[in-house]
Amino acid sequence: MSCKRKTQTDRAVSKRHKTEKNSTDLCFPQDTCGLNGSEDQTDLADFSSPGDENQDTDSHHFISDQFKVQSDEVEGPLIGDHETQESEGGEADLHKYLVGCKKNPGHSQFIPVDTFSLKHLPEGLQDNDLYEYIKVIADLTVRVDVKMSSPDRPKFWPKTTQPYPFSNMSERRNLRTGSGRVRDVNKFQDGVTQDRGYRLSAYTKCWCRKCEGSNSPSNVWWEFYVYTATHVVFDAIEANHTTLRLFYDKEDSPVFSVNKVSVLGVNIEHDRCELNCVTCDKNVGNKLMEMWKHFENVRWKVWNKYSASRSKHRLTFIVSHPHGCSKQVSVGQWKDRLEVDGRSKLTYTTCTCPGSSGAYVHCLGYSDPWTWSELVHSGSLKSGLNYSGVGRFL
């Protein structure tokens, strides 16, 4: 099945949008850390509500109405600015974009994953199971590096006059970075899964790039899926020039990469892309498998604990790679819910930056463990709100 043919299917844009308003405005952690644990942070007074001048900055509850952000008037598809990070100088220039960021100078609302703790959660939600859940989502978050723009990218978002990201740029080879999340890790031997019953791969030997060119490819390998945004990885052409960086928790983390990626499916209107990835590196495969099993265990606990109170707190968190740098956690609330094709698209206060496109958007208590929200971060609106692609929201 070609990616282009798949792209043409499942392409219906909703004729109506139903907006569900949030009763609370922006909520962010009061105690936050800059990227890379920097002490040089934006003044916290800039993020306080009126009358909070004397508030103890060591308290860790959420502050409301910090930016007085209003919901966008929604008529037709909700499209703003994408948040991939383009770098003409490749990997070496990413830190330059981090330092020069205009959207979130100082990045005080991002928490480095290696310093994230219970105190960064709002009062009433400082729970060990929730903390473990966020940490394992972080473990499964990857940076998505793309060095090709497909000539098949459309000029506009479907049924709009909004320019589609990186269209007509197939001659350029600049690095673009986004984020994604691993799911469904499986170990195979001779084409049969070793952990989940009798499941066949499309292959009987490892199909990673190293094994493709080998006379003795490995008969043991790991396959896994990665969800990201379609505007990050558009089709098979771009997937062939995509590399995933895993376990990038801090700036001096060892480099673990997977560079063999294929497209399982894309949907342009919903801005959702599913990739199939492979490695025969046992260090990578075993580590991913362990993380995935931990995720499956802890997500049940979190669902059982918070599904009944989900509409009360509307907690939304994102783990991403802002500016292509190390993993960061951001915590906020979802604000508006819009119906598109019987599914949902959300706006939220959760902080994002260029490089966050494609990151998993998790809304606490929604999407039970048997279903997947498939919500990935799509972009940023002029109002200051951020928004997801379209996915399940149950």
Protein backbone atom coordinates (compact mmCIF):
# COMPACT_ATOMS: atom_id res chain seq x y z
CA MET A 1 0.00 0.00 0.00
CA SER A 2 1.61 3.28 -1.04
CA CYS A 3 1.63 6.14 1.40
CA LYS A 4 0.28 8.54 -1.19
CA ARG A 5 -2.73 6.36 -1.87
CA LYS A 6 -3.37 6.03 1.85
CA THR A 7 -3.12 9.81 2.21
CA GLN A 8 -6.04 10.25 -0.16
CA THR A 9 -8.29 8.08 1.99
CA ASP A 10 -9.92 9.06 5.25
CA ARG A 11 -10.05 12.71 4.17
CA ALA A 12 -13.27 14.25 5.43
CA VAL A 13 -13.24 17.59 7.23
CA SER A 14 -16.14 18.19 9.59
CA LYS A 15 -18.69 20.76 8.46
CA ARG A 16 -19.38 21.75 12.01
CA HIS A 17 -17.36 22.25 15.13
CA LYS A 18 -18.80 21.89 18.58
CA THR A 19 -16.84 23.84 21.19
CA GLU A 20 -16.88 22.77 24.80
CA LYS A 21 -15.72 25.65 27.00
CA ASN A 22 -13.54 25.26 30.02
CA SER A 23 -14.65 26.96 33.21
CA THR A 24 -11.07 27.73 34.21
CA ASP A 25 -8.41 29.70 32.41
CA LEU A 26 -4.72 29.04 32.16
CA CYS A 27 -3.07 26.91 34.80
CA PHE A 28 0.67 26.38 35.05
CA PRO A 29 3.03 25.15 37.74
CA GLN A 30 4.31 28.03 39.85
CA ASP A 31 7.68 26.35 40.48
CA THR A 32 9.27 25.50 37.18
CA CYS A 33 12.71 24.97 35.70
CA GLY A 34 14.24 26.36 32.54
CA LEU A 35 15.51 24.10 29.81
CA ASN A 36 18.64 22.18 30.80
CA GLY A 37 18.01 23.06 34.42
CA SER A 38 19.19 26.63 33.90
CA GLU A 39 18.88 28.97 36.85
CA ASP A 40 18.48 31.88 34.45
CA GLN A 41 14.69 31.80 34.24
CA THR A 42 12.02 34.27 33.26
CA ASP A 43 10.87 36.21 36.32
CA LEU A 44 8.09 34.20 37.96
CA ALA A 45 6.25 37.44 38.68
CA ASP A 46 5.45 37.55 34.98
CA PHE A 47 3.38 34.37 35.46
CA SER A 48 1.46 35.41 38.60
CA SER A 49 -2.10 36.55 39.01
CA PRO A 50 -2.89 40.04 40.34
CA GLY A 51 -2.51 40.10 44.09
CA ASP A 52 0.00 37.25 44.12
CA GLU A 53 3.06 39.44 44.58
CA ASN A 54 3.69 38.10 48.08
CA GLN A 55 3.00 34.49 47.29
CA ASP A 56 5.66 31.97 48.31
CA THR A 57 7.39 30.87 45.13
CA ASP A 58 8.15 27.51 46.74
CA SER A 59 4.47 26.55 46.73
CA HIS A 60 3.55 24.31 43.84
CA HIS A 61 -0.14 24.83 43.24
CA PHE A 62 -1.50 26.16 39.97
CA ILE A 63 -2.15 29.83 39.28
CA SER A 64 -5.26 30.80 37.29
CA ASP A 65 -5.90 33.60 34.78
CA GLN A 66 -2.21 34.19 34.25
CA PHE A 67 -2.37 35.31 30.68
CA LYS A 68 -6.09 36.02 30.22
CA VAL A 69 -6.03 33.93 27.06
CA GLN A 70 -9.35 33.79 25.25
CA SER A 71 -10.66 30.96 23.11
CA ASP A 72 -10.45 31.41 19.37
CA GLU A 73 -13.63 31.90 17.37
CA VAL A 74 -13.81 28.66 15.41
CA GLU A 75 -15.32 28.70 11.95
CA GLY A 76 -13.95 26.00 9.73
CA PRO A 77 -10.75 24.07 10.32
CA LEU A 78 -8.70 25.24 13.29
CA ILE A 79 -5.22 25.89 11.90
CA GLY A 80 -2.45 28.06 13.29
CA ASP A 81 1.33 27.89 13.16
CA HIS A 82 3.01 24.49 13.05
CA GLU A 83 5.69 23.81 15.65
CA THR A 84 8.42 21.88 13.94
CA GLN A 85 11.91 23.27 14.38
CA GLU A 86 13.82 23.92 11.19
CA SER A 87 17.60 24.25 11.42
CA GLU A 88 19.72 25.33 8.48
CA GLY A 89 22.85 24.41 10.41
CA GLY A 90 21.57 20.97 11.42
CA GLU A 91 22.08 19.57 14.90
CA ALA A 92 24.79 22.10 15.76
CA ASP A 93 22.41 25.07 15.53
CA LEU A 94 19.54 23.73 17.66
CA HIS A 95 20.79 25.34 20.86
CA LYS A 96 20.85 28.68 19.05
CA TYR A 97 17.11 28.41 18.40
CA LEU A 98 16.55 27.44 22.02
CA VAL A 99 18.36 30.53 23.32
CA GLY A 100 16.71 32.83 20.79
CA CYS A 101 13.15 31.53 21.28
CA LYS A 102 10.54 34.30 21.09
CA LYS A 103 7.49 32.24 22.01
CA ASN A 104 8.70 31.23 25.49
CA PRO A 105 11.80 33.26 26.41
CA GLY A 106 13.56 31.52 29.27
CA HIS A 107 11.35 28.44 28.91
CA SER A 108 10.34 28.66 32.55
CA GLN A 109 7.18 26.62 31.97
CA PHE A 110 9.14 23.59 30.76
CA ILE A 111 10.50 21.11 33.29
CA PRO A 112 13.54 19.02 32.30
CA VAL A 113 12.48 15.39 32.49
CA ASP A 114 15.42 14.44 34.69
CA THR A 115 14.37 16.99 37.35
CA PHE A 116 10.60 16.56 37.08
CA SER A 117 9.08 15.72 40.48
CA LEU A 118 5.78 15.58 42.34
CA LYS A 119 6.06 19.25 43.26
CA HIS A 120 5.57 20.20 39.61
CA LEU A 121 2.03 18.80 39.70
CA PRO A 122 -0.92 20.84 41.02
CA GLU A 123 -2.15 20.40 44.57
CA GLY A 124 -4.56 17.49 44.76
CA LEU A 125 -2.75 15.68 41.95
CA GLN A 126 0.64 15.16 43.55
CA ASP A 127 0.23 11.42 43.33
CA ASN A 128 2.95 8.79 42.87
CA ASP A 129 1.02 6.80 40.24
CA LEU A 130 0.43 9.92 38.15
CA TYR A 131 4.08 10.89 38.55
CA GLU A 132 5.20 7.43 37.37
CA TYR A 133 2.80 7.65 34.45
CA ILE A 134 4.22 10.97 33.28
CA LYS A 135 7.74 9.65 33.69
CA VAL A 136 7.08 6.56 31.59
CA ILE A 137 5.39 8.68 28.90
CA ALA A 138 8.60 10.69 28.94
CA ASP A 139 10.64 7.49 28.59
CA LEU A 140 8.69 6.63 25.44
CA THR A 141 8.99 10.11 23.91
CA VAL A 142 11.39 10.45 20.98
CA ARG A 143 12.82 13.24 18.90
CA VAL A 144 11.84 12.92 15.23
CA ASP A 145 14.49 14.19 12.78
CA VAL A 146 13.56 14.65 9.12
CA LYS A 147 15.95 15.73 6.36
CA MET A 148 13.67 15.66 3.33
CA SER A 149 10.51 17.47 2.26
CA SER A 150 8.30 15.41 -0.02
CA PRO A 151 7.34 16.89 -3.41
CA ASP A 152 3.86 15.49 -2.74
CA ARG A 153 3.14 17.87 0.14
CA PRO A 154 0.05 19.93 -0.75
CA LYS A 155 0.23 23.68 -1.16
CA PHE A 156 -2.57 24.25 1.36
CA TRP A 157 -4.18 22.43 4.25
CA PRO A 158 -7.16 20.52 2.74
CA LYS A 159 -10.21 22.68 1.98
CA THR A 160 -8.47 25.83 3.21
CA THR A 161 -6.23 28.57 1.90
CA GLN A 162 -3.82 28.08 4.82
CA PRO A 163 -0.32 27.19 3.53
CA TYR A 164 0.76 23.64 4.34
CA PRO A 165 4.10 23.41 6.16
CA PHE A 166 7.18 22.85 4.00
CA SER A 167 5.32 22.53 0.72
CA ASN A 168 7.34 23.19 -2.44
CA MET A 169 10.56 22.74 -0.47
CA SER A 170 11.65 19.37 -1.82
CA GLU A 171 15.00 20.77 -2.93
CA ARG A 172 15.96 21.77 0.60
CA ARG A 173 17.74 19.40 2.97
CA ASN A 174 17.49 21.38 6.19
CA LEU A 175 17.02 19.42 9.38
CA ARG A 176 13.49 19.54 10.79
CA THR A 177 12.77 18.22 14.27
CA GLY A 178 9.52 17.27 15.94
CA SER A 179 8.47 14.87 18.67
CA GLY A 180 6.70 11.52 18.84
CA ARG A 181 5.84 8.69 21.17
CA VAL A 182 6.58 4.96 21.09
CA ARG A 183 3.84 2.38 21.54
CA ASP A 184 3.40 -1.39 21.08
CA VAL A 185 6.96 -2.69 21.35
CA ASN A 186 7.33 -6.29 20.12
CA LYS A 187 10.31 -8.63 20.03
CA PHE A 188 10.54 -10.97 17.02
CA GLN A 189 12.53 -14.08 16.28
CA ASP A 190 12.35 -15.56 12.77
CA GLY A 191 9.28 -13.40 12.16
CA VAL A 192 7.25 -14.53 15.19
CA THR A 193 6.70 -12.33 18.22
CA GLN A 194 8.25 -13.58 21.44
CA ASP A 195 6.10 -11.71 23.95
CA ARG A 196 2.53 -11.40 22.73
CA GLY A 197 1.39 -14.72 21.40
CA TYR A 198 1.55 -15.80 17.78
CA ARG A 199 2.00 -12.67 15.75
CA LEU A 200 3.85 -12.57 12.45
CA SER A 201 6.04 -9.81 11.12
CA ALA A 202 6.19 -9.00 7.44
CA TYR A 203 9.81 -10.19 7.67
CA THR A 204 11.70 -13.29 8.75
CA LYS A 205 14.96 -11.40 9.36
CA CYS A 206 15.69 -7.98 10.79
CA TRP A 207 15.03 -5.23 8.25
CA CYS A 208 17.03 -2.39 9.83
CA ARG A 209 19.51 -0.54 7.61
CA LYS A 210 22.48 -2.45 8.98
CA CYS A 211 20.85 -5.82 8.32
CA GLU A 212 19.57 -4.79 4.88
CA GLY A 213 23.14 -4.59 3.67
CA SER A 214 24.38 -7.64 5.55
CA ASN A 215 24.90 -11.21 4.37
CA SER A 216 23.94 -12.38 7.85
CA PRO A 217 21.01 -10.26 9.07
CA SER A 218 19.87 -10.82 12.63
CA ASN A 219 17.00 -13.25 13.20
CA VAL A 220 16.06 -11.37 16.40
CA TRP A 221 14.77 -7.81 16.33
CA TRP A 222 12.26 -5.40 17.85
CA GLU A 223 9.50 -3.53 16.06
CA PHE A 224 7.53 -0.63 17.51
CA TYR A 225 5.16 2.10 16.41
CA VAL A 226 5.66 5.84 16.77
CA TYR A 227 2.85 8.38 16.60
CA THR A 228 3.66 11.88 15.40
CA ALA A 229 2.08 14.59 13.25
CA THR A 230 1.67 14.24 9.49
CA HIS A 231 3.17 17.68 8.95
CA VAL A 232 6.33 16.32 10.63
CA VAL A 233 6.59 13.10 8.58
CA PHE A 234 4.34 13.38 5.55
CA ASP A 235 4.87 10.18 3.56
CA ALA A 236 7.19 7.30 2.68
CA ILE A 237 9.64 9.62 0.95
CA GLU A 238 10.17 11.57 4.15
CA ALA A 239 10.11 8.46 6.33
CA ASN A 240 13.07 7.18 4.33
CA HIS A 241 14.98 10.26 5.54
CA THR A 242 13.77 10.13 9.15
CA THR A 243 15.78 9.25 12.24
CA LEU A 244 14.48 8.84 15.78
CA ARG A 245 16.61 9.84 18.74
CA LEU A 246 15.62 7.85 21.83
CA PHE A 247 16.30 8.34 25.56
CA TYR A 248 17.39 11.97 25.05
CA ASP A 249 16.68 12.98 28.65
CA LYS A 250 19.43 15.55 29.12
CA GLU A 251 22.00 17.32 27.02
CA ASP A 252 24.77 14.82 27.73
CA SER A 253 22.63 11.72 27.18
CA PRO A 254 24.26 9.03 25.02
CA VAL A 255 22.98 9.01 21.45
CA PHE A 256 20.64 6.11 20.66
CA SER A 257 19.09 6.31 17.21
CA VAL A 258 16.77 4.28 14.99
CA ASN A 259 17.06 5.17 11.32
CA LYS A 260 14.81 2.58 9.66
CA VAL A 261 11.26 3.92 9.58
CA SER A 262 8.26 3.14 7.39
CA VAL A 263 4.82 4.70 7.20
CA LEU A 264 1.81 2.67 8.33
CA GLY A 265 -0.76 5.39 7.78
CA VAL A 266 -1.24 9.14 7.56
CA ASN A 267 -4.21 11.48 7.67
CA ILE A 268 -3.59 15.04 6.53
CA GLU A 269 -6.79 16.58 7.90
CA HIS A 270 -6.37 14.94 11.29
CA ASP A 271 -2.61 15.65 11.24
CA ARG A 272 -1.79 12.16 12.47
CA CYS A 273 0.97 9.86 11.27
CA GLU A 274 1.82 6.33 12.41
CA LEU A 275 5.29 4.96 11.79
CA ASN A 276 6.64 1.42 12.01
CA CYS A 277 10.22 1.25 13.28
CA VAL A 278 12.79 -1.51 13.74
CA THR A 279 16.04 -2.18 15.58
CA CYS A 280 18.15 -5.25 16.30
CA ASP A 281 20.20 -3.38 18.90
CA LYS A 282 19.40 -5.43 21.99
CA ASN A 283 20.24 -2.53 24.30
CA VAL A 284 17.63 -0.35 22.61
CA GLY A 285 15.10 -3.15 22.10
CA ASN A 286 15.21 -4.50 25.64
CA LYS A 287 15.07 -1.02 27.15
CA LEU A 288 12.04 -0.06 25.06
CA MET A 289 10.33 -3.34 25.92
CA GLU A 290 10.85 -2.75 29.63
CA MET A 291 9.50 0.80 29.37
CA TRP A 292 6.47 -0.33 27.40
CA LYS A 293 5.58 -3.03 29.95
CA HIS A 294 5.89 -0.49 32.76
CA PHE A 295 3.60 1.86 30.83
CA GLU A 296 0.96 -0.83 30.39
CA ASN A 297 0.98 -1.50 34.10
CA VAL A 298 0.81 2.07 35.37
CA ARG A 299 -1.77 3.36 32.89
CA TRP A 300 -4.43 1.08 34.40
CA LYS A 301 -3.78 2.51 37.84
CA VAL A 302 -4.04 6.09 36.59
CA TRP A 303 -7.20 5.41 34.60
CA ASN A 304 -8.95 3.75 37.54
CA LYS A 305 -7.95 6.59 39.85
CA TYR A 306 -8.82 9.61 37.70
CA SER A 307 -11.48 8.72 35.12
CA ALA A 308 -14.32 9.79 37.47
CA SER A 309 -12.78 13.20 38.19
CA ARG A 310 -11.40 13.99 34.75
CA SER A 311 -13.84 16.82 34.00
CA LYS A 312 -12.95 18.52 37.27
CA HIS A 313 -9.24 19.09 36.73
CA ARG A 314 -8.81 18.75 32.94
CA LEU A 315 -5.11 18.20 33.50
CA THR A 316 -3.17 18.01 30.23
CA PHE A 317 0.52 17.23 29.98
CA ILE A 318 2.94 17.01 27.07
CA VAL A 319 6.46 15.63 26.88
CA SER A 320 8.36 16.96 23.89
CA HIS A 321 11.73 18.06 22.53
CA PRO A 322 11.48 21.87 22.29
CA HIS A 323 13.87 23.22 19.65
CA GLY A 324 15.18 19.68 19.15
CA CYS A 325 16.86 19.78 22.54
CA SER A 326 16.45 17.40 25.48
CA LYS A 327 13.06 16.19 26.76
CA GLN A 328 10.86 18.59 28.69
CA VAL A 329 7.57 18.13 30.55
CA SER A 330 4.87 20.81 30.43
CA VAL A 331 1.65 20.76 32.43
CA GLY A 332 -1.57 22.71 31.87
CA GLN A 333 -5.26 22.22 31.10
CA TRP A 334 -7.30 21.53 28.02
CA LYS A 335 -9.69 24.37 27.30
CA ASP A 336 -11.88 23.77 24.23
CA ARG A 337 -13.07 20.55 22.62
CA LEU A 338 -14.06 20.64 18.97
CA GLU A 339 -15.83 17.81 17.15
CA VAL A 340 -14.30 16.86 13.81
CA ASP A 341 -15.54 13.79 11.94
CA GLY A 342 -17.00 12.40 15.16
CA ARG A 343 -13.62 12.74 16.87
CA SER A 344 -12.05 15.54 18.85
CA LYS A 345 -9.56 18.35 18.48
CA LEU A 346 -8.46 20.20 21.61
CA THR A 347 -7.03 23.54 22.57
CA TYR A 348 -4.97 23.75 25.73
CA THR A 349 -2.75 25.94 27.85
CA THR A 350 0.01 23.34 28.09
CA CYS A 351 3.26 24.97 27.01
CA THR A 352 4.86 24.05 23.67
CA CYS A 353 7.59 25.40 21.38
CA PRO A 354 8.97 24.71 17.92
CA GLY A 355 10.10 21.10 18.10
CA SER A 356 6.96 20.05 20.01
CA SER A 357 4.94 19.17 16.90
CA GLY A 358 3.85 15.52 17.00
CA ALA A 359 4.22 15.12 20.77
CA TYR A 360 1.58 13.03 22.53
CA VAL A 361 -1.13 15.15 24.20
CA HIS A 362 -2.40 13.38 27.31
CA CYS A 363 -5.59 14.49 29.07
CA LEU A 364 -5.78 12.85 32.48
CA GLY A 365 -8.67 10.42 32.90
CA TYR A 366 -9.62 10.32 29.21
CA SER A 367 -9.09 7.40 26.83
CA ASP A 368 -9.31 4.21 28.83
CA PRO A 369 -6.45 1.69 28.64
CA TRP A 370 -8.16 -0.24 25.85
CA THR A 371 -8.37 2.78 23.54
CA TRP A 372 -5.96 5.42 22.31
CA SER A 373 -6.64 9.12 22.09
CA GLU A 374 -4.22 9.48 19.16
CA LEU A 375 -4.02 13.18 20.01
CA VAL A 376 -0.71 14.70 18.96
CA HIS A 377 0.39 18.30 19.21
CA SER A 378 -0.27 20.17 15.98
CA GLY A 379 0.36 23.87 16.46
CA SER A 380 -0.07 27.21 18.15
CA LEU A 381 -2.79 29.87 17.79
CA LYS A 382 -2.48 33.65 17.83
CA SER A 383 -4.58 33.72 21.01
CA GLY A 384 -1.78 31.97 22.89
CA LEU A 385 -3.56 28.63 23.08
CA ASN A 386 -2.01 25.51 21.58
CA TYR A 387 -3.98 22.84 19.73
CA SER A 388 -3.88 19.16 18.85
CA GLY A 389 -4.57 17.18 15.74
CA VAL A 390 -7.75 15.11 15.61
CA GLY A 391 -8.13 11.85 17.51
CA ARG A 392 -10.20 9.86 19.95
CA PHE A 393 -11.11 11.58 23.22
CA LEU A 394 -13.25 9.25 25.29
